[in-house]
C-alpha cells in the first residue's frame, strides 16, 4: 500500500491531484490509523501510469532495442510522443490546480464582500425604520 507521497512519486503526479482524484471518487483509497491515505498499487496504476522516467529498467529497455526496422523506429517515436503528451498533461494539471485555488480565493472574497454589503444594507434599512 502507498501513502499519498509514495503514490505521487510512483506516478509523477502531484499529491494534490491524487488527493482530488480520491475525493472525486476517481481513485479509491482508505485511511490508516494516522488518518493518512492508504492506496493500493493496483488501484493507483489503474488510474495513473507508473512513472518510468527515473527507473533503471527504462534505460535497459532502450539499450536492448535498437530501432533497426521502421516499425521499431515508429514505435519508439510514438512512445516518445506519448511521454511528451503525458508531461504536458501533468503540467496542465498543475496549472489547473493553481487556477482552481485562485478561483476558490476569488469566490471567498466575493462572498465576503456580499456579506458586508448585505449587513450594510440591513443596517441602513433598520436606521430608516427607527428614525
C-alpha atoms as a PDB file:
ATOM      1  CA  UNK A   1       0.000   0.000   0.000  1.00  0.00           C
ATOM      2  CA  UNK A   2       1.200   3.511  -0.832  1.00  0.00           C
ATOM      3  CA  UNK A   3       0.892   6.717   1.109  1.00  0.00           C
ATOM      4  CA  UNK A   4      -0.144   9.813  -0.811  1.00  0.00           C
ATOM      5  CA  UNK A   5       3.505  10.889  -1.112  1.00  0.00           C
ATOM      6  CA  UNK A   6       4.643   7.469  -2.295  1.00  0.00           C
ATOM      7  CA  UNK A   7       1.818   7.353  -4.827  1.00  0.00           C
ATOM      8  CA  UNK A   8       2.868  10.755  -6.155  1.00  0.00           C
ATOM      9  CA  UNK A   9       6.472   9.583  -6.558  1.00  0.00           C
ATOM     10  CA  UNK A  10       5.430   6.349  -8.251  1.00  0.00           C
ATOM     11  CA  UNK A  11       3.274   8.159 -10.803  1.00  0.00           C
ATOM     12  CA  UNK A  12       4.981  11.521 -11.145  1.00  0.00           C
ATOM     13  CA  UNK A  13       1.641  13.184 -10.391  1.00  0.00           C
ATOM     14  CA  UNK A  14       1.221  15.885  -7.739  1.00  0.00           C
ATOM     15  CA  UNK A  15      -0.090  14.790  -4.334  1.00  0.00           C
ATOM     16  CA  UNK A  16      -2.943  17.280  -4.631  1.00  0.00           C
ATOM     17  CA  UNK A  17      -4.011  15.735  -7.944  1.00  0.00           C
ATOM     18  CA  UNK A  18      -4.131  12.269  -6.374  1.00  0.00           C
ATOM     19  CA  UNK A  19      -5.978  13.594  -3.315  1.00  0.00           C
ATOM     20  CA  UNK A  20      -8.521  15.299  -5.565  1.00  0.00           C
ATOM     21  CA  UNK A  21      -8.996  12.032  -7.515  1.00  0.00           C
ATOM     22  CA  UNK A  22      -9.703  10.258  -4.222  1.00  0.00           C
ATOM     23  CA  UNK A  23     -12.176  12.930  -3.104  1.00  0.00           C
ATOM     24  CA  UNK A  24     -13.919  12.853  -6.501  1.00  0.00           C
ATOM     25  CA  UNK A  25     -14.185   9.047  -6.393  1.00  0.00           C
ATOM     26  CA  UNK A  26     -11.962   8.512  -9.407  1.00  0.00           C
ATOM     27  CA  UNK A  27      -9.411   6.680  -7.238  1.00  0.00           C
ATOM     28  CA  UNK A  28     -10.324   4.574  -4.225  1.00  0.00           C
ATOM     29  CA  UNK A  29      -8.251   4.657  -1.058  1.00  0.00           C
ATOM     30  CA  UNK A  30      -8.676   4.079   2.644  1.00  0.00           C
ATOM     31  CA  UNK A  31      -7.271   5.939   5.620  1.00  0.00           C
ATOM     32  CA  UNK A  32      -4.918   4.327   8.091  1.00  0.00           C
ATOM     33  CA  UNK A  33      -4.763   4.817  11.887  1.00  0.00           C
ATOM     34  CA  UNK A  34      -2.917   8.110  11.440  1.00  0.00           C
ATOM     35  CA  UNK A  35      -5.554   9.481   9.057  1.00  0.00           C
ATOM     36  CA  UNK A  36      -3.222   9.158   6.065  1.00  0.00           C
ATOM     37  CA  UNK A  37      -4.426   7.755   2.766  1.00  0.00           C
ATOM     38  CA  UNK A  38      -3.511   4.155   2.019  1.00  0.00           C
ATOM     39  CA  UNK A  39      -3.637   3.444  -1.704  1.00  0.00           C
ATOM     40  CA  UNK A  40      -3.491   0.000  -3.246  1.00  0.00           C
ATOM     41  CA  UNK A  41      -0.840  -0.087  -6.030  1.00  0.00           C
ATOM     42  CA  UNK A  42      -3.143  -1.855  -8.495  1.00  0.00           C
ATOM     43  CA  UNK A  43      -5.805   0.818  -7.919  1.00  0.00           C
ATOM     44  CA  UNK A  44      -3.238   3.590  -8.313  1.00  0.00           C
ATOM     45  CA  UNK A  45      -1.915   2.187 -11.588  1.00  0.00           C
ATOM     46  CA  UNK A  46      -5.453   1.620 -12.841  1.00  0.00           C
ATOM     47  CA  UNK A  47      -5.907   5.389 -12.820  1.00  0.00           C
ATOM     48  CA  UNK A  48      -2.342   6.669 -13.338  1.00  0.00           C
ATOM     49  CA  UNK A  49       0.600   5.267 -15.269  1.00  0.00           C
ATOM     50  CA  UNK A  50       3.744   4.312 -13.392  1.00  0.00           C
ATOM     51  CA  UNK A  51       6.428   6.990 -13.609  1.00  0.00           C
ATOM     52  CA  UNK A  52       9.193   5.248 -15.560  1.00  0.00           C
ATOM     53  CA  UNK A  53      11.279   8.371 -16.111  1.00  0.00           C
ATOM     54  CA  UNK A  54      13.714   7.569 -13.301  1.00  0.00           C
ATOM     55  CA  UNK A  55      13.596   3.780 -13.373  1.00  0.00           C
ATOM     56  CA  UNK A  56      16.644   1.806 -14.459  1.00  0.00           C
ATOM     57  CA  UNK A  57      14.603  -0.778 -16.389  1.00  0.00           C
ATOM     58  CA  UNK A  58      13.545   2.003 -18.761  1.00  0.00           C
ATOM     59  CA  UNK A  59      17.141   2.710 -19.788  1.00  0.00           C
ATOM     60  CA  UNK A  60      17.853  -1.012 -20.052  1.00  0.00           C
ATOM     61  CA  UNK A  61      14.977  -1.372 -22.466  1.00  0.00           C
ATOM     62  CA  UNK A  62      16.325   1.462 -24.583  1.00  0.00           C
ATOM     63  CA  UNK A  63      19.742  -0.199 -24.718  1.00  0.00           C
ATOM     64  CA  UNK A  64      18.292  -3.583 -25.681  1.00  0.00           C
ATOM     65  CA  UNK A  65      16.108  -2.315 -28.507  1.00  0.00           C
ATOM     66  CA  UNK A  66      17.831  -0.560 -31.344  1.00  0.00           C
ATOM     67  CA  UNK A  67      15.491   0.810 -33.988  1.00  0.00           C
ATOM     68  CA  UNK A  68      16.723  -1.274 -36.939  1.00  0.00           C
ATOM     69  CA  UNK A  69      13.380  -1.669 -38.662  1.00  0.00           C
ATOM     70  CA  UNK A  70      10.783   1.003 -39.476  1.00  0.00           C
ATOM     71  CA  UNK A  71       8.152  -0.495 -37.134  1.00  0.00           C
ATOM     72  CA  UNK A  72      10.508  -0.357 -34.145  1.00  0.00           C
ATOM     73  CA  UNK A  73      11.580   3.161 -35.037  1.00  0.00           C
ATOM     74  CA  UNK A  74       7.968   4.279 -35.401  1.00  0.00           C
ATOM     75  CA  UNK A  75       7.071   2.672 -32.062  1.00  0.00           C
ATOM     76  CA  UNK A  76       9.975   4.487 -30.383  1.00  0.00           C
ATOM     77  CA  UNK A  77       8.859   7.788 -31.892  1.00  0.00           C
ATOM     78  CA  UNK A  78       5.279   7.217 -30.748  1.00  0.00           C
ATOM     79  CA  UNK A  79       6.421   6.270 -27.238  1.00  0.00           C
ATOM     80  CA  UNK A  80       8.405   9.495 -27.048  1.00  0.00           C
ATOM     81  CA  UNK A  81       5.379  11.464 -28.226  1.00  0.00           C
ATOM     82  CA  UNK A  82       3.222   9.792 -25.577  1.00  0.00           C
ATOM     83  CA  UNK A  83       5.765  10.681 -22.875  1.00  0.00           C
ATOM     84  CA  UNK A  84       5.765  14.268 -24.110  1.00  0.00           C
ATOM     85  CA  UNK A  85       1.973  14.397 -24.027  1.00  0.00           C
ATOM     86  CA  UNK A  86       1.909  12.884 -20.533  1.00  0.00           C
ATOM     87  CA  UNK A  87       4.339  15.591 -19.400  1.00  0.00           C
ATOM     88  CA  UNK A  88       2.074  18.239 -20.903  1.00  0.00           C
ATOM     89  CA  UNK A  89      -0.937  16.731 -19.151  1.00  0.00           C
ATOM     90  CA  UNK A  90       0.873  16.852 -15.814  1.00  0.00           C
ATOM     91  CA  UNK A  91       1.846  20.477 -16.436  1.00  0.00           C
ATOM     92  CA  UNK A  92      -1.748  21.346 -17.315  1.00  0.00           C
ATOM     93  CA  UNK A  93      -2.994  19.533 -14.203  1.00  0.00           C
ATOM     94  CA  UNK A  94      -0.653  21.617 -12.037  1.00  0.00           C
ATOM     95  CA  UNK A  95      -1.803  24.799 -13.778  1.00  0.00           C
ATOM     96  CA  UNK A  96      -5.429  23.773 -13.291  1.00  0.00           C
ATOM     97  CA  UNK A  97      -4.812  23.156  -9.586  1.00  0.00           C
ATOM     98  CA  UNK A  98      -3.355  26.645  -9.241  1.00  0.00           C
ATOM     99  CA  UNK A  99      -6.236  28.185 -11.185  1.00  0.00           C
ATOM    100  CA  UNK A 100      -8.781  26.327  -9.063  1.00  0.00           C
ATOM    101  CA  UNK A 101      -7.042  27.605  -5.937  1.00  0.00           C
ATOM    102  CA  UNK A 102      -7.203  31.164  -7.233  1.00  0.00           C
ATOM    103  CA  UNK A 103     -10.851  30.723  -8.210  1.00  0.00           C
ATOM    104  CA  UNK A 104     -11.645  29.483  -4.689  1.00  0.00           C
ATOM    105  CA  UNK A 105      -9.914  32.536  -3.230  1.00  0.00           C
ATOM    106  CA  UNK A 106     -11.834  34.886  -5.508  1.00  0.00           C
ATOM    107  CA  UNK A 107     -15.112  33.167  -4.596  1.00  0.00           C
ATOM    108  CA  UNK A 108     -14.379  33.578  -0.878  1.00  0.00           C
ATOM    109  CA  UNK A 109     -13.569  37.247  -1.384  1.00  0.00           C
ATOM    110  CA  UNK A 110     -16.766  37.779  -3.367  1.00  0.00           C
ATOM    111  CA  UNK A 111     -18.842  36.031  -0.712  1.00  0.00           C
ATOM    112  CA  UNK A 112     -17.215  38.153   1.996  1.00  0.00           C
ATOM    113  CA  UNK A 113     -17.902  41.316   0.012  1.00  0.00           C
ATOM    114  CA  UNK A 114     -21.560  40.311  -0.484  1.00  0.00           C
ATOM    115  CA  UNK A 115     -21.962  39.629   3.233  1.00  0.00           C
ATOM    116  CA  UNK A 116     -20.557  43.075   4.047  1.00  0.00           C
ATOM    117  CA  UNK A 117     -22.910  44.712   1.560  1.00  0.00           C
ATOM    118  CA  UNK A 118     -25.881  42.777   2.955  1.00  0.00           C
ATOM    119  CA  UNK A 119     -25.027  43.858   6.528  1.00  0.00           C
ATOM    120  CA  UNK A 120     -24.571  47.444   5.425  1.00  0.00           C
ATOM    121  CA  UNK A 121     -27.884  47.448   3.579  1.00  0.00           C
ATOM    122  CA  UNK A 122     -29.667  45.835   6.535  1.00  0.00           C
ATOM    123  CA  UNK A 123     -28.274  48.358   8.998  1.00  0.00           C
ATOM    124  CA  UNK A 124     -29.241  51.283   6.725  1.00  0.00           C
ATOM    125  CA  UNK A 125     -32.739  49.839   6.322  1.00  0.00           C
ATOM    126  CA  UNK A 126     -33.076  49.386  10.084  1.00  0.00           C
ATOM    127  CA  UNK A 127     -31.942  53.001  10.630  1.00  0.00           C
ATOM    128  CA  UNK A 128     -34.618  54.247   8.235  1.00  0.00           C
ATOM    129  CA  UNK A 129     -37.370  52.469  10.132  1.00  0.00           C
ATOM    130  CA  UNK A 130     -36.066  53.607  13.546  1.00  0.00           C
ATOM    131  CA  UNK A 131     -35.740  57.230  12.513  1.00  0.00           C
END
